[in-house]
Amino acid sequence: VYLQMNSLKPEDTATYYCAAKPNFVVGVRDGYNYWGQGTQ
C-alpha cells in the first residue's frame, strides 16, 4: 500500500503508520488490528 503525499506542510510532520484489518470488520477509520512500526 502506498501513500503519495504532495504539497506537504509542516503540520504533516508525524510518524506515519500503516494499518490493516480483515474486510469483514466494519468501519473505515477504526477497528484496525494490524500495525506497522511507523516511518517518520
All heavy atoms as atom14 arrays in JSON, in Angstrom:
{
  "sequence": "VYLQMNSLKPEDTATYYCAAKPNFVVGVRDGYNYWGQGTQ",
  "atom14_mask": [
    [1, 1, 1, 1, 1, 1, 1, 0, 0, 0, 0, 0, 0, 0],
    [1, 1, 1, 1, 1, 1, 1, 1, 1, 1, 1, 1, 0, 0],
    [1, 1, 1, 1, 1, 1, 1, 1, 0, 0, 0, 0, 0, 0],
    [1, 1, 1, 1, 1, 1, 1, 1, 1, 0, 0, 0, 0, 0],
    [1, 1, 1, 1, 1, 1, 1, 1, 0, 0, 0, 0, 0, 0],
    [1, 1, 1, 1, 1, 1, 1, 1, 0, 0, 0, 0, 0, 0],
    [1, 1, 1, 1, 1, 1, 0, 0, 0, 0, 0, 0, 0, 0],
    [1, 1, 1, 1, 1, 1, 1, 1, 0, 0, 0, 0, 0, 0],
    [1, 1, 1, 1, 1, 1, 1, 1, 1, 0, 0, 0, 0, 0],
    [1, 1, 1, 1, 1, 1, 1, 0, 0, 0, 0, 0, 0, 0],
    [1, 1, 1, 1, 1, 1, 1, 1, 1, 0, 0, 0, 0, 0],
    [1, 1, 1, 1, 1, 1, 1, 1, 0, 0, 0, 0, 0, 0],
    [1, 1, 1, 1, 1, 1, 1, 0, 0, 0, 0, 0, 0, 0],
    [1, 1, 1, 1, 1, 0, 0, 0, 0, 0, 0, 0, 0, 0],
    [1, 1, 1, 1, 1, 1, 1, 0, 0, 0, 0, 0, 0, 0],
    [1, 1, 1, 1, 1, 1, 1, 1, 1, 1, 1, 1, 0, 0],
    [1, 1, 1, 1, 1, 1, 1, 1, 1, 1, 1, 1, 0, 0],
    [1, 1, 1, 1, 1, 1, 0, 0, 0, 0, 0, 0, 0, 0],
    [1, 1, 1, 1, 1, 0, 0, 0, 0, 0, 0, 0, 0, 0],
    [1, 1, 1, 1, 1, 0, 0, 0, 0, 0, 0, 0, 0, 0],
    [1, 1, 1, 1, 1, 1, 1, 1, 1, 0, 0, 0, 0, 0],
    [1, 1, 1, 1, 1, 1, 1, 0, 0, 0, 0, 0, 0, 0],
    [1, 1, 1, 1, 1, 1, 1, 1, 0, 0, 0, 0, 0, 0],
    [1, 1, 1, 1, 1, 1, 1, 1, 1, 1, 1, 0, 0, 0],
    [1, 1, 1, 1, 1, 1, 1, 0, 0, 0, 0, 0, 0, 0],
    [1, 1, 1, 1, 1, 1, 1, 0, 0, 0, 0, 0, 0, 0],
    [1, 1, 1, 1, 0, 0, 0, 0, 0, 0, 0, 0, 0, 0],
    [1, 1, 1, 1, 1, 1, 1, 0, 0, 0, 0, 0, 0, 0],
    [1, 1, 1, 1, 1, 1, 1, 1, 1, 1, 1, 0, 0, 0],
    [1, 1, 1, 1, 1, 1, 1, 1, 0, 0, 0, 0, 0, 0],
    [1, 1, 1, 1, 0, 0, 0, 0, 0, 0, 0, 0, 0, 0],
    [1, 1, 1, 1, 1, 1, 1, 1, 1, 1, 1, 1, 0, 0],
    [1, 1, 1, 1, 1, 1, 1, 1, 0, 0, 0, 0, 0, 0],
    [1, 1, 1, 1, 1, 1, 1, 1, 1, 1, 1, 1, 0, 0],
    [1, 1, 1, 1, 1, 1, 1, 1, 1, 1, 1, 1, 1, 1],
    [1, 1, 1, 1, 0, 0, 0, 0, 0, 0, 0, 0, 0, 0],
    [1, 1, 1, 1, 1, 1, 1, 1, 1, 0, 0, 0, 0, 0],
    [1, 1, 1, 1, 0, 0, 0, 0, 0, 0, 0, 0, 0, 0],
    [1, 1, 1, 1, 1, 1, 1, 0, 0, 0, 0, 0, 0, 0],
    [1, 1, 1, 1, 1, 1, 1, 1, 1, 0, 0, 0, 0, 0]
  ],
  "atom14_positions": [
    [[0.86, -1.17, 0.0], [0.0, 0.0, 0.0], [0.9, 1.23, 0.0], [1.96, 1.23, 0.63], [-0.97, 0.0, 1.2], [-0.21, -0.09, 2.52], [-1.86, 1.23, 1.18], [0.0, 0.0, 0.0], [0.0, 0.0, 0.0], [0.0, 0.0, 0.0], [0.0, 0.0, 0.0], [0.0, 0.0, 0.0], [0.0, 0.0, 0.0], [0.0, 0.0, 0.0]],
    [[0.47, 2.27, -0.7], [1.26, 3.48, -0.85], [0.48, 4.68, -0.33], [-0.74, 4.71, -0.31], [1.61, 3.74, -2.31], [2.31, 2.6, -2.99], [1.59, 1.67, -3.74], [3.69, 2.44, -2.9], [2.23, 0.62, -4.38], [4.34, 1.4, -3.53], [3.6, 0.49, -4.27], [4.25, -0.55, -4.9], [0.0, 0.0, 0.0], [0.0, 0.0, 0.0]],
    [[1.22, 5.68, 0.07], [0.64, 6.98, 0.38], [1.49, 8.04, -0.32], [2.61, 8.31, 0.1], [0.59, 7.26, 1.88], [-0.12, 8.55, 2.28], [-1.62, 8.46, 1.97], [0.09, 8.85, 3.76], [0.0, 0.0, 0.0], [0.0, 0.0, 0.0], [0.0, 0.0, 0.0], [0.0, 0.0, 0.0], [0.0, 0.0, 0.0], [0.0, 0.0, 0.0]],
    [[0.95, 8.59, -1.4], [1.61, 9.67, -2.11], [1.22, 10.98, -1.44], [0.05, 11.32, -1.37], [1.21, 9.68, -3.58], [1.83, 10.81, -4.39], [3.33, 10.68, -4.52], [3.83, 9.6, -4.84], [4.05, 11.76, -4.27], [0.0, 0.0, 0.0], [0.0, 0.0, 0.0], [0.0, 0.0, 0.0], [0.0, 0.0, 0.0], [0.0, 0.0, 0.0]],
    [[2.2, 11.72, -0.96], [1.96, 12.95, -0.22], [2.56, 14.11, -1.0], [3.78, 14.18, -1.18], [2.56, 12.87, 1.18], [2.08, 11.66, 1.99], [2.69, 11.68, 3.7], [4.44, 11.48, 3.4], [0.0, 0.0, 0.0], [0.0, 0.0, 0.0], [0.0, 0.0, 0.0], [0.0, 0.0, 0.0], [0.0, 0.0, 0.0], [0.0, 0.0, 0.0]],
    [[1.7, 15.0, -1.45], [2.12, 16.18, -2.2], [1.79, 17.43, -1.41], [0.98, 17.42, -0.5], [1.43, 16.22, -3.56], [1.75, 15.04, -4.43], [2.87, 14.52, -4.41], [0.78, 14.6, -5.23], [0.0, 0.0, 0.0], [0.0, 0.0, 0.0], [0.0, 0.0, 0.0], [0.0, 0.0, 0.0], [0.0, 0.0, 0.0], [0.0, 0.0, 0.0]],
    [[2.41, 18.53, -1.81], [2.17, 19.82, -1.16], [2.26, 19.72, 0.35], [1.4, 20.19, 1.08], [0.8, 20.37, -1.58], [0.72, 20.52, -2.98], [0.0, 0.0, 0.0], [0.0, 0.0, 0.0], [0.0, 0.0, 0.0], [0.0, 0.0, 0.0], [0.0, 0.0, 0.0], [0.0, 0.0, 0.0], [0.0, 0.0, 0.0], [0.0, 0.0, 0.0]],
    [[3.31, 19.1, 0.81], [3.46, 18.84, 2.23], [3.59, 20.13, 3.03], [4.19, 21.1, 2.57], [4.66, 17.94, 2.48], [4.42, 16.46, 2.18], [5.74, 15.72, 2.03], [3.57, 15.83, 3.28], [0.0, 0.0, 0.0], [0.0, 0.0, 0.0], [0.0, 0.0, 0.0], [0.0, 0.0, 0.0], [0.0, 0.0, 0.0], [0.0, 0.0, 0.0]],
    [[3.02, 20.09, 4.22], [3.03, 21.22, 5.13], [3.73, 20.83, 6.42], [3.77, 19.65, 6.77], [1.59, 21.66, 5.45], [0.74, 21.98, 4.24], [-0.69, 22.28, 4.66], [-1.57, 22.59, 3.47], [-2.97, 22.86, 3.88], [0.0, 0.0, 0.0], [0.0, 0.0, 0.0], [0.0, 0.0, 0.0], [0.0, 0.0, 0.0], [0.0, 0.0, 0.0]],
    [[4.27, 21.79, 7.15], [4.86, 21.45, 8.45], [3.9, 20.71, 9.37], [4.34, 19.87, 10.16], [5.25, 22.82, 9.02], [5.51, 23.65, 7.81], [4.49, 23.2, 6.8], [0.0, 0.0, 0.0], [0.0, 0.0, 0.0], [0.0, 0.0, 0.0], [0.0, 0.0, 0.0], [0.0, 0.0, 0.0], [0.0, 0.0, 0.0], [0.0, 0.0, 0.0]],
    [[2.61, 20.99, 9.26], [1.61, 20.31, 10.07], [1.5, 18.82, 9.76], [0.89, 18.08, 10.53], [0.23, 20.96, 9.87], [0.2, 22.46, 10.11], [0.46, 23.24, 8.84], [-0.5, 23.54, 8.11], [1.65, 23.56, 8.59], [0.0, 0.0, 0.0], [0.0, 0.0, 0.0], [0.0, 0.0, 0.0], [0.0, 0.0, 0.0], [0.0, 0.0, 0.0]],
    [[2.06, 18.38, 8.64], [2.05, 16.96, 8.29], [3.15, 16.18, 9.0], [3.21, 14.96, 8.89], [2.2, 16.78, 6.78], [1.05, 17.36, 6.0], [-0.11, 17.18, 6.42], [1.31, 18.0, 4.96], [0.0, 0.0, 0.0], [0.0, 0.0, 0.0], [0.0, 0.0, 0.0], [0.0, 0.0, 0.0], [0.0, 0.0, 0.0], [0.0, 0.0, 0.0]],
    [[4.03, 16.87, 9.69], [5.11, 16.21, 10.4], [4.55, 15.25, 11.44], [3.77, 15.64, 12.31], [6.01, 17.25, 11.08], [6.66, 18.05, 10.08], [7.08, 16.57, 11.93], [0.0, 0.0, 0.0], [0.0, 0.0, 0.0], [0.0, 0.0, 0.0], [0.0, 0.0, 0.0], [0.0, 0.0, 0.0], [0.0, 0.0, 0.0], [0.0, 0.0, 0.0]],
    [[4.95, 13.99, 11.34], [4.43, 12.96, 12.23], [5.1, 11.64, 11.9], [5.79, 11.5, 10.88], [2.92, 12.82, 12.09], [0.0, 0.0, 0.0], [0.0, 0.0, 0.0], [0.0, 0.0, 0.0], [0.0, 0.0, 0.0], [0.0, 0.0, 0.0], [0.0, 0.0, 0.0], [0.0, 0.0, 0.0], [0.0, 0.0, 0.0], [0.0, 0.0, 0.0]],
    [[4.88, 10.67, 12.77], [5.21, 9.29, 12.45], [4.0, 8.69, 11.75], [2.88, 8.75, 12.27], [5.56, 8.49, 13.7], [6.68, 9.08, 14.35], [5.9, 7.05, 13.33], [0.0, 0.0, 0.0], [0.0, 0.0, 0.0], [0.0, 0.0, 0.0], [0.0, 0.0, 0.0], [0.0, 0.0, 0.0], [0.0, 0.0, 0.0], [0.0, 0.0, 0.0]],
    [[4.21, 8.12, 10.58], [3.12, 7.56, 9.79], [3.11, 6.05, 9.92], [4.15, 5.39, 9.76], [3.26, 7.97, 8.32], [2.84, 9.39, 8.07], [3.61, 10.45, 8.53], [1.66, 9.68, 7.4], [3.21, 11.76, 8.33], [1.25, 10.99, 7.19], [2.04, 12.03, 7.66], [1.64, 13.33, 7.45], [0.0, 0.0, 0.0], [0.0, 0.0, 0.0]],
    [[1.93, 5.5, 10.19], [1.76, 4.08, 10.42], [0.84, 3.47, 9.37], [-0.21, 4.03, 9.05], [1.15, 3.82, 11.8], [2.01, 4.28, 12.95], [1.88, 5.56, 13.47], [2.94, 3.42, 13.53], [2.65, 5.98, 14.53], [3.71, 3.83, 14.6], [3.56, 5.12, 15.09], [4.33, 5.52, 16.16], [0.0, 0.0, 0.0], [0.0, 0.0, 0.0]],
    [[1.21, 2.32, 8.88], [0.36, 1.51, 8.03], [-0.47, 0.59, 8.92], [0.02, 0.09, 9.93], [1.22, 0.7, 7.06], [0.31, -0.35, 5.92], [0.0, 0.0, 0.0], [0.0, 0.0, 0.0], [0.0, 0.0, 0.0], [0.0, 0.0, 0.0], [0.0, 0.0, 0.0], [0.0, 0.0, 0.0], [0.0, 0.0, 0.0], [0.0, 0.0, 0.0]],
    [[-1.72, 0.37, 8.54], [-2.6, -0.49, 9.31], [-3.46, -1.34, 8.37], [-3.69, -0.97, 7.22], [-3.5, 0.35, 10.23], [0.0, 0.0, 0.0], [0.0, 0.0, 0.0], [0.0, 0.0, 0.0], [0.0, 0.0, 0.0], [0.0, 0.0, 0.0], [0.0, 0.0, 0.0], [0.0, 0.0, 0.0], [0.0, 0.0, 0.0], [0.0, 0.0, 0.0]],
    [[-3.95, -2.46, 8.89], [-4.79, -3.35, 8.1], [-5.78, -4.07, 8.99], [-5.55, -4.25, 10.19], [-3.94, -4.36, 7.34], [0.0, 0.0, 0.0], [0.0, 0.0, 0.0], [0.0, 0.0, 0.0], [0.0, 0.0, 0.0], [0.0, 0.0, 0.0], [0.0, 0.0, 0.0], [0.0, 0.0, 0.0], [0.0, 0.0, 0.0], [0.0, 0.0, 0.0]],
    [[-6.9, -4.47, 8.4], [-7.88, -5.29, 9.08], [-8.63, -6.11, 8.05], [-8.73, -5.71, 6.89], [-8.85, -4.44, 9.9], [-9.71, -3.49, 9.09], [-10.64, -2.7, 10.01], [-11.48, -1.72, 9.22], [-12.39, -0.97, 10.14], [0.0, 0.0, 0.0], [0.0, 0.0, 0.0], [0.0, 0.0, 0.0], [0.0, 0.0, 0.0], [0.0, 0.0, 0.0]],
    [[-9.19, -7.26, 8.44], [-9.96, -8.06, 7.5], [-11.13, -7.27, 6.93], [-11.71, -6.42, 7.61], [-10.45, -9.25, 8.34], [-9.44, -9.35, 9.45], [-9.06, -7.93, 9.75], [0.0, 0.0, 0.0], [0.0, 0.0, 0.0], [0.0, 0.0, 0.0], [0.0, 0.0, 0.0], [0.0, 0.0, 0.0], [0.0, 0.0, 0.0], [0.0, 0.0, 0.0]],
    [[-11.49, -7.56, 5.7], [-12.56, -6.84, 5.03], [-13.89, -6.94, 5.77], [-14.72, -6.02, 5.67], [-12.73, -7.34, 3.6], [-11.58, -6.96, 2.7], [-10.98, -5.9, 2.86], [-11.28, -7.82, 1.74], [0.0, 0.0, 0.0], [0.0, 0.0, 0.0], [0.0, 0.0, 0.0], [0.0, 0.0, 0.0], [0.0, 0.0, 0.0], [0.0, 0.0, 0.0]],
    [[-14.12, -8.02, 6.5], [-15.41, -8.21, 7.16], [-15.54, -7.38, 8.44], [-16.62, -7.33, 9.02], [-15.67, -9.69, 7.47], [-14.63, -10.36, 8.33], [-14.62, -10.17, 9.7], [-13.69, -11.2, 7.75], [-13.68, -10.8, 10.5], [-12.74, -11.84, 8.54], [-12.73, -11.63, 9.91], [0.0, 0.0, 0.0], [0.0, 0.0, 0.0], [0.0, 0.0, 0.0]],
    [[-14.46, -6.76, 8.9], [-14.54, -5.9, 10.08], [-15.09, -4.55, 9.67], [-14.53, -3.87, 8.81], [-13.16, -5.74, 10.74], [-13.24, -4.78, 11.92], [-12.64, -7.09, 11.2], [0.0, 0.0, 0.0], [0.0, 0.0, 0.0], [0.0, 0.0, 0.0], [0.0, 0.0, 0.0], [0.0, 0.0, 0.0], [0.0, 0.0, 0.0], [0.0, 0.0, 0.0]],
    [[-16.19, -4.15, 10.3], [-16.89, -2.93, 9.93], [-16.11, -1.7, 10.36], [-15.47, -1.69, 11.42], [-18.3, -2.91, 10.56], [-19.01, -1.59, 10.29], [-19.12, -4.07, 10.04], [0.0, 0.0, 0.0], [0.0, 0.0, 0.0], [0.0, 0.0, 0.0], [0.0, 0.0, 0.0], [0.0, 0.0, 0.0], [0.0, 0.0, 0.0], [0.0, 0.0, 0.0]],
    [[-16.16, -0.68, 9.53], [-15.54, 0.59, 9.86], [-14.42, 0.95, 8.9], [-13.7, 0.08, 8.39], [0.0, 0.0, 0.0], [0.0, 0.0, 0.0], [0.0, 0.0, 0.0], [0.0, 0.0, 0.0], [0.0, 0.0, 0.0], [0.0, 0.0, 0.0], [0.0, 0.0, 0.0], [0.0, 0.0, 0.0], [0.0, 0.0, 0.0], [0.0, 0.0, 0.0]],
    [[-14.26, 2.25, 8.67], [-13.21, 2.76, 7.79], [-12.08, 3.39, 8.59], [-10.9, 3.19, 8.28], [-13.79, 3.78, 6.8], [-12.67, 4.44, 5.99], [-14.8, 3.12, 5.88], [0.0, 0.0, 0.0], [0.0, 0.0, 0.0], [0.0, 0.0, 0.0], [0.0, 0.0, 0.0], [0.0, 0.0, 0.0], [0.0, 0.0, 0.0], [0.0, 0.0, 0.0]],
    [[-12.44, 4.15, 9.62], [-11.45, 4.91, 10.38], [-11.01, 4.26, 11.68], [-10.17, 4.84, 12.39], [-12.0, 6.31, 10.68], [-12.32, 7.1, 9.42], [-12.58, 8.55, 9.72], [-12.73, 9.33, 8.5], [-12.48, 10.62, 8.39], [-12.07, 11.31, 9.46], [-12.65, 11.25, 7.24], [0.0, 0.0, 0.0], [0.0, 0.0, 0.0], [0.0, 0.0, 0.0]],
    [[-11.55, 3.11, 12.01], [-11.16, 2.43, 13.24], [-11.28, 0.93, 13.06], [-11.67, 0.43, 12.02], [-11.98, 2.93, 14.43], [-13.48, 2.76, 14.22], [-13.9, 2.08, 13.26], [-14.24, 3.34, 15.02], [0.0, 0.0, 0.0], [0.0, 0.0, 0.0], [0.0, 0.0, 0.0], [0.0, 0.0, 0.0], [0.0, 0.0, 0.0], [0.0, 0.0, 0.0]],
    [[-10.92, 0.2, 14.08], [-11.03, -1.25, 14.07], [-9.84, -1.98, 13.49], [-9.9, -3.2, 13.3], [0.0, 0.0, 0.0], [0.0, 0.0, 0.0], [0.0, 0.0, 0.0], [0.0, 0.0, 0.0], [0.0, 0.0, 0.0], [0.0, 0.0, 0.0], [0.0, 0.0, 0.0], [0.0, 0.0, 0.0], [0.0, 0.0, 0.0], [0.0, 0.0, 0.0]],
    [[-8.76, -1.27, 13.21], [-7.58, -1.91, 12.62], [-6.8, -2.68, 13.69], [-6.54, -2.15, 14.77], [-6.69, -0.87, 11.95], [-7.36, -0.25, 10.76], [-8.19, 0.85, 10.9], [-7.17, -0.79, 9.49], [-8.84, 1.4, 9.8], [-7.81, -0.25, 8.39], [-8.64, 0.85, 8.55], [-9.28, 1.39, 7.45], [0.0, 0.0, 0.0], [0.0, 0.0, 0.0]],
    [[-6.45, -3.9, 13.36], [-5.8, -4.77, 14.34], [-4.37, -5.15, 13.99], [-3.7, -5.81, 14.79], [-6.64, -6.03, 14.58], [-6.94, -6.8, 13.3], [-6.9, -6.25, 12.19], [-7.27, -8.07, 13.44], [0.0, 0.0, 0.0], [0.0, 0.0, 0.0], [0.0, 0.0, 0.0], [0.0, 0.0, 0.0], [0.0, 0.0, 0.0], [0.0, 0.0, 0.0]],
    [[-3.9, -4.75, 12.81], [-2.52, -4.98, 12.43], [-1.85, -3.65, 12.14], [-2.41, -2.81, 11.42], [-2.43, -5.9, 11.2], [-3.04, -7.26, 11.43], [-4.24, -7.61, 10.82], [-2.43, -8.19, 12.26], [-4.8, -8.86, 11.03], [-2.99, -9.44, 12.47], [-4.17, -9.76, 11.85], [-4.73, -11.01, 12.07], [0.0, 0.0, 0.0], [0.0, 0.0, 0.0]],
    [[-0.66, -3.47, 12.68], [0.03, -2.18, 12.6], [1.5, -2.36, 12.28], [2.14, -3.3, 12.75], [-0.09, -1.42, 13.92], [-1.49, -1.03, 14.27], [-2.41, -1.78, 14.93], [-2.13, 0.2, 13.95], [-3.59, -1.09, 15.05], [-3.44, 0.13, 14.46], [-1.72, 1.37, 13.3], [-4.36, 1.18, 14.33], [-2.62, 2.41, 13.16], [-3.91, 2.3, 13.68]],
    [[2.03, -1.42, 11.5], [3.46, -1.37, 11.28], [4.15, -0.59, 12.38], [3.51, -0.08, 13.31], [0.0, 0.0, 0.0], [0.0, 0.0, 0.0], [0.0, 0.0, 0.0], [0.0, 0.0, 0.0], [0.0, 0.0, 0.0], [0.0, 0.0, 0.0], [0.0, 0.0, 0.0], [0.0, 0.0, 0.0], [0.0, 0.0, 0.0], [0.0, 0.0, 0.0]],
    [[5.46, -0.48, 12.28], [6.25, 0.21, 13.3], [6.35, 1.71, 13.07], [6.75, 2.45, 13.97], [7.66, -0.39, 13.37], [7.67, -1.84, 13.84], [7.11, -2.0, 15.23], [7.51, -1.29, 16.16], [6.16, -2.91, 15.38], [0.0, 0.0, 0.0], [0.0, 0.0, 0.0], [0.0, 0.0, 0.0], [0.0, 0.0, 0.0], [0.0, 0.0, 0.0]],
    [[5.98, 2.17, 11.88], [5.97, 3.59, 11.6], [7.19, 4.07, 10.85], [8.27, 3.48, 10.93], [0.0, 0.0, 0.0], [0.0, 0.0, 0.0], [0.0, 0.0, 0.0], [0.0, 0.0, 0.0], [0.0, 0.0, 0.0], [0.0, 0.0, 0.0], [0.0, 0.0, 0.0], [0.0, 0.0, 0.0], [0.0, 0.0, 0.0], [0.0, 0.0, 0.0]],
    [[7.01, 5.15, 10.11], [8.1, 5.82, 9.42], [7.94, 7.32, 9.63], [6.84, 7.86, 9.54], [8.13, 5.46, 7.91], [9.28, 6.04, 7.29], [6.87, 5.93, 7.19], [0.0, 0.0, 0.0], [0.0, 0.0, 0.0], [0.0, 0.0, 0.0], [0.0, 0.0, 0.0], [0.0, 0.0, 0.0], [0.0, 0.0, 0.0], [0.0, 0.0, 0.0]],
    [[9.03, 7.98, 9.93], [8.99, 9.39, 10.3], [8.96, 10.29, 9.07], [9.77, 10.13, 8.15], [10.18, 9.76, 11.19], [10.25, 11.23, 11.6], [9.11, 11.62, 12.52], [8.68, 10.83, 13.35], [8.62, 12.84, 12.36], [0.0, 0.0, 0.0], [0.0, 0.0, 0.0], [0.0, 0.0, 0.0], [0.0, 0.0, 0.0], [0.0, 0.0, 0.0]]
  ]
}
